[in-house]
Amino acid sequence: MTEPSAPRTEGKVLAFLDLGTFDDGASFRGGCLVTDERTRPLEFRVSGAIRPSALQKILYGDTLHEYICTVLLGGPLLKTLESRADFVLVRDAEFLKLRPQLEMPLLWLRSSVDGQYALQPFPGYETEADTVGDAMPARLRGRNIMEPFLRIRAALEEAHSLQVGDSPKG
């Protein structure tokens, strides 16, 4: 009799999508880090700075954050990836709204009351939380799951300081 085998995690390609806020909330950047199963980088994409005007803030109201996450940052970043990820993890729940447009699972990594992290799927995709949880490399189980997001944040800060993707000022 053989033991049931653990889910295969070798060869997995993971994507981590995040949002950075800069200039006291006046500008935003998105970053997507694609890694192998050991979280070694395969690809990194960063957006230019998004700086909503006062008029845009008024017109979009409480939908501005969703618009920035899904239409201006998340969708374009994921579409430009050259690497095919097995799943995407996000820290901002607004990115979840991208899931119906994607062919891969996208899950919100949310903090639970006991200080652990839980994978939250978009409604209608509930089974993906278990599938992705089972496929998660051991290195990322527990608190270490946030480490790639720390790298994205540092890279976004560097990109912002270097004005990567910004239009030249005239």
N, C-alpha and C. Protein backbone atom coordinates (compact mmCIF):
# COMPACT_ATOMS: atom_id res chain seq x y z
N MET A 1 0.85 -1.18 0.00
CA MET A 1 0.00 0.00 0.00
C MET A 1 0.89 1.23 0.00
N THR A 2 0.56 2.21 -0.81
CA THR A 2 1.38 3.41 -0.89
C THR A 2 0.71 4.55 -0.13
N GLU A 3 1.57 5.44 0.35
CA GLU A 3 1.08 6.64 1.05
C GLU A 3 0.59 7.65 0.02
N PRO A 4 -0.46 8.41 0.33
CA PRO A 4 -0.86 9.46 -0.60
C PRO A 4 0.26 10.49 -0.67
N SER A 5 0.54 10.93 -1.87
CA SER A 5 1.64 11.88 -2.03
C SER A 5 1.16 13.30 -1.79
N ALA A 6 2.10 14.12 -1.37
CA ALA A 6 1.80 15.54 -1.17
C ALA A 6 1.64 16.19 -2.54
N PRO A 7 0.86 17.26 -2.63
CA PRO A 7 0.70 17.95 -3.91
C PRO A 7 2.07 18.41 -4.43
N ARG A 8 2.24 18.30 -5.73
CA ARG A 8 3.49 18.72 -6.35
C ARG A 8 3.61 20.24 -6.32
N THR A 9 4.74 20.74 -5.85
CA THR A 9 4.98 22.18 -5.87
C THR A 9 6.17 22.53 -6.74
N GLU A 10 6.95 21.51 -7.17
CA GLU A 10 8.10 21.78 -8.02
C GLU A 10 7.64 22.37 -9.34
N GLY A 11 8.41 23.30 -9.83
CA GLY A 11 8.12 23.89 -11.12
C GLY A 11 7.00 24.92 -11.11
N LYS A 12 6.45 25.23 -9.96
CA LYS A 12 5.39 26.24 -9.90
C LYS A 12 5.95 27.62 -10.19
N VAL A 13 5.19 28.40 -10.89
CA VAL A 13 5.52 29.79 -11.15
C VAL A 13 4.48 30.62 -10.41
N LEU A 14 4.96 31.49 -9.51
CA LEU A 14 4.09 32.27 -8.65
C LEU A 14 4.16 33.73 -9.04
N ALA A 15 3.06 34.43 -8.95
CA ALA A 15 3.05 35.88 -9.18
C ALA A 15 2.50 36.56 -7.94
N PHE A 16 3.15 37.64 -7.56
CA PHE A 16 2.75 38.46 -6.42
C PHE A 16 2.48 39.86 -6.96
N LEU A 17 1.26 40.33 -6.79
CA LEU A 17 0.84 41.63 -7.31
C LEU A 17 0.54 42.55 -6.13
N ASP A 18 1.11 43.75 -6.17
CA ASP A 18 0.92 44.66 -5.04
C ASP A 18 0.83 46.10 -5.51
N LEU A 19 0.40 46.95 -4.60
CA LEU A 19 0.20 48.37 -4.84
C LEU A 19 1.01 49.15 -3.82
N GLY A 20 1.69 50.19 -4.27
CA GLY A 20 2.40 51.08 -3.36
C GLY A 20 1.80 52.47 -3.45
N THR A 21 1.70 53.13 -2.31
CA THR A 21 1.18 54.49 -2.24
C THR A 21 2.32 55.42 -1.87
N PHE A 22 2.43 56.53 -2.58
CA PHE A 22 3.55 57.45 -2.40
C PHE A 22 3.07 58.90 -2.32
N ASP A 23 3.99 59.77 -1.96
CA ASP A 23 3.73 61.21 -1.93
C ASP A 23 2.49 61.54 -1.09
N ASP A 24 2.47 60.99 0.12
CA ASP A 24 1.35 61.22 1.05
C ASP A 24 0.00 60.86 0.43
N GLY A 25 -0.03 59.77 -0.32
CA GLY A 25 -1.28 59.30 -0.91
C GLY A 25 -1.63 59.94 -2.24
N ALA A 26 -0.74 60.77 -2.78
CA ALA A 26 -1.03 61.46 -4.04
C ALA A 26 -0.71 60.62 -5.27
N SER A 27 0.14 59.59 -5.13
CA SER A 27 0.47 58.77 -6.29
C SER A 27 0.56 57.30 -5.89
N PHE A 28 0.37 56.47 -6.92
CA PHE A 28 0.32 55.01 -6.74
C PHE A 28 1.16 54.35 -7.81
N ARG A 29 1.72 53.20 -7.45
CA ARG A 29 2.44 52.35 -8.40
C ARG A 29 2.05 50.91 -8.13
N GLY A 30 2.03 50.15 -9.19
CA GLY A 30 1.80 48.72 -9.05
C GLY A 30 3.07 47.97 -9.38
N GLY A 31 3.23 46.81 -8.76
CA GLY A 31 4.37 45.96 -9.05
C GLY A 31 3.94 44.51 -9.06
N CYS A 32 4.50 43.73 -9.98
CA CYS A 32 4.22 42.31 -10.05
C CYS A 32 5.53 41.56 -10.12
N LEU A 33 5.77 40.74 -9.12
CA LEU A 33 6.96 39.90 -9.05
C LEU A 33 6.56 38.47 -9.38
N VAL A 34 7.19 37.92 -10.41
CA VAL A 34 6.96 36.54 -10.80
C VAL A 34 8.18 35.75 -10.36
N THR A 35 7.94 34.64 -9.66
CA THR A 35 9.04 33.86 -9.12
C THR A 35 8.89 32.37 -9.44
N ASP A 36 9.99 31.64 -9.21
CA ASP A 36 9.90 30.19 -9.25
C ASP A 36 9.40 29.71 -7.89
N GLU A 37 9.34 28.40 -7.70
CA GLU A 37 8.79 27.86 -6.45
C GLU A 37 9.63 28.20 -5.23
N ARG A 38 10.89 28.60 -5.43
CA ARG A 38 11.73 29.01 -4.30
C ARG A 38 11.69 30.52 -4.09
N THR A 39 10.83 31.18 -4.80
CA THR A 39 10.62 32.64 -4.82
C THR A 39 11.82 33.40 -5.36
N ARG A 40 12.59 32.75 -6.22
CA ARG A 40 13.65 33.46 -6.93
C ARG A 40 13.00 34.18 -8.11
N PRO A 41 13.39 35.43 -8.35
CA PRO A 41 12.70 36.21 -9.38
C PRO A 41 12.91 35.68 -10.79
N LEU A 42 11.82 35.64 -11.53
CA LEU A 42 11.85 35.31 -12.95
C LEU A 42 11.55 36.56 -13.77
N GLU A 43 10.71 37.43 -13.21
CA GLU A 43 10.29 38.63 -13.94
C GLU A 43 9.75 39.63 -12.93
N PHE A 44 9.94 40.91 -13.23
CA PHE A 44 9.36 41.97 -12.40
C PHE A 44 8.83 43.05 -13.32
N ARG A 45 7.62 43.47 -13.06
CA ARG A 45 6.99 44.56 -13.81
C ARG A 45 6.58 45.64 -12.82
N VAL A 46 6.80 46.88 -13.20
CA VAL A 46 6.41 48.02 -12.37
C VAL A 46 5.69 49.02 -13.26
N SER A 47 4.69 49.66 -12.72
CA SER A 47 3.96 50.68 -13.47
C SER A 47 4.61 52.04 -13.26
N GLY A 48 4.26 52.95 -14.12
CA GLY A 48 4.59 54.34 -13.86
C GLY A 48 3.69 54.84 -12.74
N ALA A 49 3.98 56.01 -12.25
CA ALA A 49 3.17 56.58 -11.17
C ALA A 49 1.80 57.01 -11.70
N ILE A 50 0.78 56.69 -10.94
CA ILE A 50 -0.59 57.14 -11.22
C ILE A 50 -0.87 58.24 -10.22
N ARG A 51 -1.19 59.43 -10.72
CA ARG A 51 -1.47 60.58 -9.86
C ARG A 51 -2.85 61.14 -10.19
N PRO A 52 -3.88 60.66 -9.51
CA PRO A 52 -5.23 61.15 -9.80
C PRO A 52 -5.35 62.64 -9.50
N SER A 53 -6.02 63.35 -10.40
CA SER A 53 -6.24 64.78 -10.20
C SER A 53 -7.38 64.97 -9.19
N ALA A 54 -7.53 66.19 -8.73
CA ALA A 54 -8.62 66.51 -7.81
C ALA A 54 -9.96 66.21 -8.47
N LEU A 55 -10.09 66.53 -9.76
CA LEU A 55 -11.33 66.27 -10.48
C LEU A 55 -11.60 64.76 -10.57
N GLN A 56 -10.58 63.95 -10.86
CA GLN A 56 -10.76 62.50 -10.90
C GLN A 56 -11.19 61.96 -9.54
N LYS A 57 -10.61 62.48 -8.48
CA LYS A 57 -10.99 62.04 -7.13
C LYS A 57 -12.45 62.32 -6.87
N ILE A 58 -12.92 63.48 -7.31
CA ILE A 58 -14.32 63.85 -7.12
C ILE A 58 -15.22 62.94 -7.96
N LEU A 59 -14.88 62.79 -9.24
CA LEU A 59 -15.73 62.03 -10.16
C LEU A 59 -15.78 60.54 -9.83
N TYR A 60 -14.65 59.96 -9.44
CA TYR A 60 -14.62 58.53 -9.14
C TYR A 60 -15.10 58.23 -7.72
N GLY A 61 -14.98 59.18 -6.83
CA GLY A 61 -15.44 58.99 -5.46
C GLY A 61 -14.84 57.75 -4.83
N ASP A 62 -15.68 56.95 -4.17
CA ASP A 62 -15.16 55.78 -3.47
C ASP A 62 -14.84 54.61 -4.40
N THR A 63 -15.00 54.78 -5.72
CA THR A 63 -14.61 53.74 -6.67
C THR A 63 -13.21 53.98 -7.23
N LEU A 64 -12.55 55.06 -6.83
CA LEU A 64 -11.23 55.38 -7.38
C LEU A 64 -10.19 54.30 -7.07
N HIS A 65 -10.17 53.82 -5.85
CA HIS A 65 -9.17 52.81 -5.48
C HIS A 65 -9.35 51.53 -6.32
N GLU A 66 -10.59 51.09 -6.50
CA GLU A 66 -10.87 49.92 -7.33
C GLU A 66 -10.40 50.16 -8.77
N TYR A 67 -10.70 51.33 -9.31
CA TYR A 67 -10.32 51.67 -10.67
C TYR A 67 -8.80 51.65 -10.84
N ILE A 68 -8.10 52.22 -9.89
CA ILE A 68 -6.63 52.23 -9.95
C ILE A 68 -6.09 50.80 -9.90
N CYS A 69 -6.60 49.99 -8.97
CA CYS A 69 -6.11 48.62 -8.80
C CYS A 69 -6.41 47.74 -10.02
N THR A 70 -7.60 47.83 -10.56
CA THR A 70 -8.00 46.88 -11.59
C THR A 70 -7.72 47.38 -13.01
N VAL A 71 -8.12 48.58 -13.31
CA VAL A 71 -8.02 49.08 -14.69
C VAL A 71 -6.65 49.68 -14.99
N LEU A 72 -6.13 50.50 -14.08
CA LEU A 72 -4.89 51.21 -14.37
C LEU A 72 -3.62 50.43 -14.02
N LEU A 73 -3.68 49.58 -13.01
CA LEU A 73 -2.46 48.89 -12.56
C LEU A 73 -2.51 47.37 -12.74
N GLY A 74 -3.39 46.69 -12.04
CA GLY A 74 -3.40 45.23 -12.01
C GLY A 74 -3.58 44.58 -13.37
N GLY A 75 -4.62 44.97 -14.08
CA GLY A 75 -4.88 44.38 -15.40
C GLY A 75 -3.71 44.56 -16.35
N PRO A 76 -3.25 45.79 -16.55
CA PRO A 76 -2.11 45.99 -17.46
C PRO A 76 -0.83 45.26 -17.03
N LEU A 77 -0.53 45.23 -15.74
CA LEU A 77 0.68 44.54 -15.30
C LEU A 77 0.59 43.04 -15.59
N LEU A 78 -0.53 42.43 -15.29
CA LEU A 78 -0.68 40.99 -15.52
C LEU A 78 -0.68 40.65 -17.01
N LYS A 79 -1.24 41.52 -17.83
CA LYS A 79 -1.30 41.27 -19.27
C LYS A 79 0.07 41.36 -19.93
N THR A 80 0.99 42.12 -19.35
CA THR A 80 2.32 42.29 -19.96
C THR A 80 3.33 41.24 -19.51
N LEU A 81 2.94 40.36 -18.60
CA LEU A 81 3.88 39.34 -18.13
C LEU A 81 4.27 38.40 -19.25
N GLU A 82 5.55 38.11 -19.32
CA GLU A 82 6.04 37.12 -20.28
C GLU A 82 5.99 35.73 -19.68
N SER A 83 6.10 35.62 -18.38
CA SER A 83 6.05 34.33 -17.68
C SER A 83 4.60 33.96 -17.40
N ARG A 84 4.29 32.70 -17.54
CA ARG A 84 2.94 32.20 -17.26
C ARG A 84 2.90 31.71 -15.82
N ALA A 85 2.21 32.44 -14.96
CA ALA A 85 2.12 32.07 -13.55
C ALA A 85 1.04 31.03 -13.34
N ASP A 86 1.26 30.16 -12.34
CA ASP A 86 0.25 29.17 -11.97
C ASP A 86 -0.85 29.80 -11.13
N PHE A 87 -0.51 30.85 -10.37
CA PHE A 87 -1.49 31.59 -9.60
C PHE A 87 -0.90 32.94 -9.20
N VAL A 88 -1.78 33.85 -8.81
CA VAL A 88 -1.40 35.20 -8.40
C VAL A 88 -1.88 35.42 -6.97
N LEU A 89 -1.01 35.97 -6.14
CA LEU A 89 -1.38 36.37 -4.78
C LEU A 89 -1.34 37.89 -4.70
N VAL A 90 -2.31 38.48 -4.01
CA VAL A 90 -2.40 39.93 -3.87
C VAL A 90 -2.60 40.30 -2.41
N ARG A 91 -2.17 41.51 -2.04
CA ARG A 91 -2.38 42.00 -0.67
C ARG A 91 -3.56 42.95 -0.57
N ASP A 92 -4.00 43.49 -1.67
CA ASP A 92 -5.12 44.44 -1.68
C ASP A 92 -6.35 43.74 -2.24
N ALA A 93 -7.42 43.71 -1.48
CA ALA A 93 -8.64 43.00 -1.88
C ALA A 93 -9.23 43.52 -3.19
N GLU A 94 -8.99 44.77 -3.53
CA GLU A 94 -9.54 45.31 -4.78
C GLU A 94 -9.03 44.55 -6.00
N PHE A 95 -7.82 44.01 -5.94
CA PHE A 95 -7.28 43.25 -7.06
C PHE A 95 -8.09 41.98 -7.34
N LEU A 96 -8.82 41.48 -6.33
CA LEU A 96 -9.64 40.28 -6.52
C LEU A 96 -10.62 40.43 -7.69
N LYS A 97 -11.05 41.64 -7.94
CA LYS A 97 -12.04 41.89 -8.99
C LYS A 97 -11.49 41.61 -10.38
N LEU A 98 -10.18 41.38 -10.48
CA LEU A 98 -9.57 41.00 -11.75
C LEU A 98 -9.82 39.53 -12.10
N ARG A 99 -10.16 38.72 -11.10
CA ARG A 99 -10.21 37.27 -11.29
C ARG A 99 -11.06 36.82 -12.47
N PRO A 100 -12.27 37.34 -12.69
CA PRO A 100 -13.07 36.85 -13.83
C PRO A 100 -12.41 37.08 -15.19
N GLN A 101 -11.44 37.99 -15.27
CA GLN A 101 -10.76 38.28 -16.53
C GLN A 101 -9.53 37.40 -16.77
N LEU A 102 -9.15 36.60 -15.78
CA LEU A 102 -7.90 35.84 -15.85
C LEU A 102 -8.15 34.35 -16.07
N GLU A 103 -7.14 33.68 -16.60
CA GLU A 103 -7.21 32.24 -16.79
C GLU A 103 -6.53 31.50 -15.64
N MET A 104 -5.98 32.22 -14.68
CA MET A 104 -5.28 31.60 -13.55
C MET A 104 -5.92 32.06 -12.26
N PRO A 105 -5.79 31.26 -11.20
CA PRO A 105 -6.32 31.68 -9.90
C PRO A 105 -5.65 32.95 -9.39
N LEU A 106 -6.43 33.81 -8.77
CA LEU A 106 -5.95 35.02 -8.13
C LEU A 106 -6.59 35.06 -6.75
N LEU A 107 -5.76 35.14 -5.73
CA LEU A 107 -6.28 35.10 -4.36
C LEU A 107 -5.73 36.24 -3.53
N TRP A 108 -6.59 36.76 -2.68
CA TRP A 108 -6.22 37.80 -1.73
C TRP A 108 -5.61 37.12 -0.51
N LEU A 109 -4.44 37.57 -0.15
CA LEU A 109 -3.76 37.06 1.04
C LEU A 109 -4.12 37.99 2.19
N ARG A 110 -5.05 37.54 3.02
CA ARG A 110 -5.53 38.41 4.09
C ARG A 110 -5.08 37.87 5.45
N SER A 111 -4.91 38.78 6.37
CA SER A 111 -4.51 38.43 7.72
C SER A 111 -5.75 37.96 8.48
N SER A 112 -5.59 36.87 9.23
CA SER A 112 -6.71 36.37 10.03
C SER A 112 -6.55 36.87 11.47
N VAL A 113 -7.57 36.68 12.26
CA VAL A 113 -7.58 37.19 13.64
C VAL A 113 -6.48 36.57 14.50
N ASP A 114 -6.04 35.37 14.16
CA ASP A 114 -5.00 34.71 14.96
C ASP A 114 -3.59 35.04 14.49
N GLY A 115 -3.46 36.04 13.60
CA GLY A 115 -2.14 36.45 13.13
C GLY A 115 -1.59 35.61 11.99
N GLN A 116 -2.37 34.66 11.53
CA GLN A 116 -1.97 33.85 10.38
C GLN A 116 -2.51 34.52 9.11
N TYR A 117 -2.27 33.88 7.98
CA TYR A 117 -2.76 34.41 6.72
C TYR A 117 -3.69 33.39 6.08
N ALA A 118 -4.72 33.89 5.43
CA ALA A 118 -5.69 33.04 4.76
C ALA A 118 -5.79 33.48 3.30
N LEU A 119 -6.08 32.53 2.43
CA LEU A 119 -6.27 32.81 1.01
C LEU A 119 -7.76 33.01 0.76
N GLN A 120 -8.11 34.20 0.29
CA GLN A 120 -9.51 34.55 0.04
C GLN A 120 -9.74 34.63 -1.46
N PRO A 121 -10.64 33.81 -2.00
CA PRO A 121 -10.92 33.87 -3.44
C PRO A 121 -12.01 34.88 -3.77
N PHE A 122 -12.12 35.20 -5.03
CA PHE A 122 -13.23 35.99 -5.54
C PHE A 122 -14.48 35.13 -5.49
N PRO A 123 -15.65 35.69 -5.15
CA PRO A 123 -16.88 34.89 -5.11
C PRO A 123 -17.09 34.11 -6.41
N GLY A 124 -17.43 32.84 -6.25
CA GLY A 124 -17.62 31.96 -7.40
C GLY A 124 -16.39 31.12 -7.71
N TYR A 125 -15.27 31.42 -7.07
CA TYR A 125 -14.01 30.71 -7.30
C TYR A 125 -13.49 30.12 -5.99
N GLU A 126 -14.38 29.74 -5.10
CA GLU A 126 -14.01 29.32 -3.75
C GLU A 126 -13.05 28.13 -3.72
N THR A 127 -13.17 27.21 -4.65
CA THR A 127 -12.31 26.02 -4.62
C THR A 127 -10.85 26.36 -4.87
N GLU A 128 -10.59 27.51 -5.47
CA GLU A 128 -9.20 27.89 -5.76
C GLU A 128 -8.38 28.11 -4.51
N ALA A 129 -9.00 28.50 -3.42
CA ALA A 129 -8.24 28.71 -2.17
C ALA A 129 -7.59 27.41 -1.72
N ASP A 130 -8.32 26.31 -1.77
CA ASP A 130 -7.75 25.02 -1.37
C ASP A 130 -6.72 24.54 -2.38
N THR A 131 -7.02 24.70 -3.67
CA THR A 131 -6.09 24.26 -4.72
C THR A 131 -4.76 24.99 -4.61
N VAL A 132 -4.81 26.31 -4.47
CA VAL A 132 -3.58 27.09 -4.36
C VAL A 132 -2.89 26.81 -3.03
N GLY A 133 -3.66 26.69 -1.96
CA GLY A 133 -3.07 26.38 -0.65
C GLY A 133 -2.30 25.08 -0.69
N ASP A 134 -2.84 24.06 -1.37
CA ASP A 134 -2.16 22.77 -1.49
C ASP A 134 -0.92 22.87 -2.37
N ALA A 135 -0.94 23.76 -3.35
CA ALA A 135 0.19 23.90 -4.27
C ALA A 135 1.25 24.87 -3.77
N MET A 136 0.99 25.54 -2.67
CA MET A 136 1.92 26.53 -2.14
C MET A 136 3.23 25.86 -1.71
N PRO A 137 4.35 26.37 -2.20
CA PRO A 137 5.64 25.81 -1.77
C PRO A 137 5.81 25.92 -0.24
N ALA A 138 6.45 24.94 0.35
CA ALA A 138 6.65 24.91 1.80
C ALA A 138 7.32 26.18 2.29
N ARG A 139 8.20 26.75 1.49
CA ARG A 139 8.92 27.95 1.88
C ARG A 139 7.97 29.11 2.20
N LEU A 140 6.79 29.10 1.60
CA LEU A 140 5.85 30.21 1.78
C LEU A 140 4.76 29.95 2.81
N ARG A 141 4.74 28.79 3.36
CA ARG A 141 3.68 28.50 4.33
C ARG A 141 3.95 29.23 5.63
N GLY A 142 2.90 29.77 6.22
CA GLY A 142 3.04 30.52 7.47
C GLY A 142 3.36 31.98 7.20
N ARG A 143 4.10 32.60 8.07
CA ARG A 143 4.38 34.03 8.00
C ARG A 143 5.30 34.41 6.84
N ASN A 144 6.11 33.47 6.37
CA ASN A 144 7.04 33.77 5.29
C ASN A 144 6.34 34.13 3.98
N ILE A 145 5.06 33.92 3.92
CA ILE A 145 4.30 34.18 2.71
C ILE A 145 4.32 35.68 2.34
N MET A 146 4.57 36.54 3.31
CA MET A 146 4.59 37.98 3.05
C MET A 146 5.93 38.47 2.52
N GLU A 147 6.97 37.67 2.61
CA GLU A 147 8.31 38.12 2.23
C GLU A 147 8.40 38.62 0.78
N PRO A 148 7.83 37.95 -0.22
CA PRO A 148 7.90 38.50 -1.58
C PRO A 148 7.24 39.87 -1.70
N PHE A 149 6.20 40.13 -0.91
CA PHE A 149 5.56 41.44 -0.94
C PHE A 149 6.49 42.52 -0.38
N LEU A 150 7.32 42.16 0.58
CA LEU A 150 8.30 43.12 1.10
C LEU A 150 9.30 43.49 0.02
N ARG A 151 9.68 42.53 -0.81
CA ARG A 151 10.58 42.82 -1.93
C ARG A 151 9.92 43.73 -2.95
N ILE A 152 8.65 43.47 -3.23
CA ILE A 152 7.93 44.33 -4.18
C ILE A 152 7.88 45.75 -3.65
N ARG A 153 7.55 45.89 -2.37
CA ARG A 153 7.46 47.23 -1.77
C ARG A 153 8.79 47.97 -1.90
N ALA A 154 9.90 47.29 -1.59
CA ALA A 154 11.22 47.92 -1.70
C ALA A 154 11.52 48.28 -3.15
N ALA A 155 11.16 47.41 -4.09
CA ALA A 155 11.38 47.70 -5.51
C ALA A 155 10.52 48.87 -5.97
N LEU A 156 9.29 48.95 -5.49
CA LEU A 156 8.42 50.08 -5.84
C LEU A 156 8.98 51.39 -5.31
N GLU A 157 9.50 51.36 -4.09
CA GLU A 157 10.11 52.57 -3.53
C GLU A 157 11.31 53.01 -4.36
N GLU A 158 12.12 52.04 -4.77
CA GLU A 158 13.28 52.36 -5.62
C GLU A 158 12.82 52.91 -6.96
N ALA A 159 11.85 52.27 -7.60
CA ALA A 159 11.33 52.74 -8.88
C ALA A 159 10.75 54.14 -8.76
N HIS A 160 10.07 54.39 -7.64
CA HIS A 160 9.48 55.72 -7.45
C HIS A 160 10.56 56.78 -7.28
N SER A 161 11.59 56.45 -6.52
CA SER A 161 12.67 57.43 -6.32
C SER A 161 13.42 57.71 -7.63
N LEU A 162 13.48 56.71 -8.52
CA LEU A 162 14.14 56.88 -9.82
C LEU A 162 13.18 57.39 -10.90
N GLN A 163 11.92 57.55 -10.54
CA GLN A 163 10.87 58.02 -11.43
C GLN A 163 10.71 57.10 -12.65
N VAL A 164 10.83 55.80 -12.43
CA VAL A 164 10.69 54.81 -13.50
C VAL A 164 9.29 54.92 -14.11
N GLY A 165 9.26 55.01 -15.43
CA GLY A 165 7.99 55.04 -16.14
C GLY A 165 7.27 56.37 -16.11
N ASP A 166 7.84 57.37 -15.45
CA ASP A 166 7.20 58.69 -15.41
C ASP A 166 7.50 59.47 -16.68
N SER A 167 6.58 60.29 -17.07
CA SER A 167 6.80 61.16 -18.23
C SER A 167 7.79 62.24 -17.86
N PRO A 168 8.67 62.58 -18.81
CA PRO A 168 9.62 63.66 -18.51
C PRO A 168 8.88 64.97 -18.27
N LYS A 169 9.36 65.71 -17.33
CA LYS A 169 8.74 67.01 -17.03
C LYS A 169 9.24 68.05 -18.03
N GLY A 170 8.32 68.83 -18.59
CA GLY A 170 8.71 69.78 -19.63
C GLY A 170 8.72 71.17 -19.23
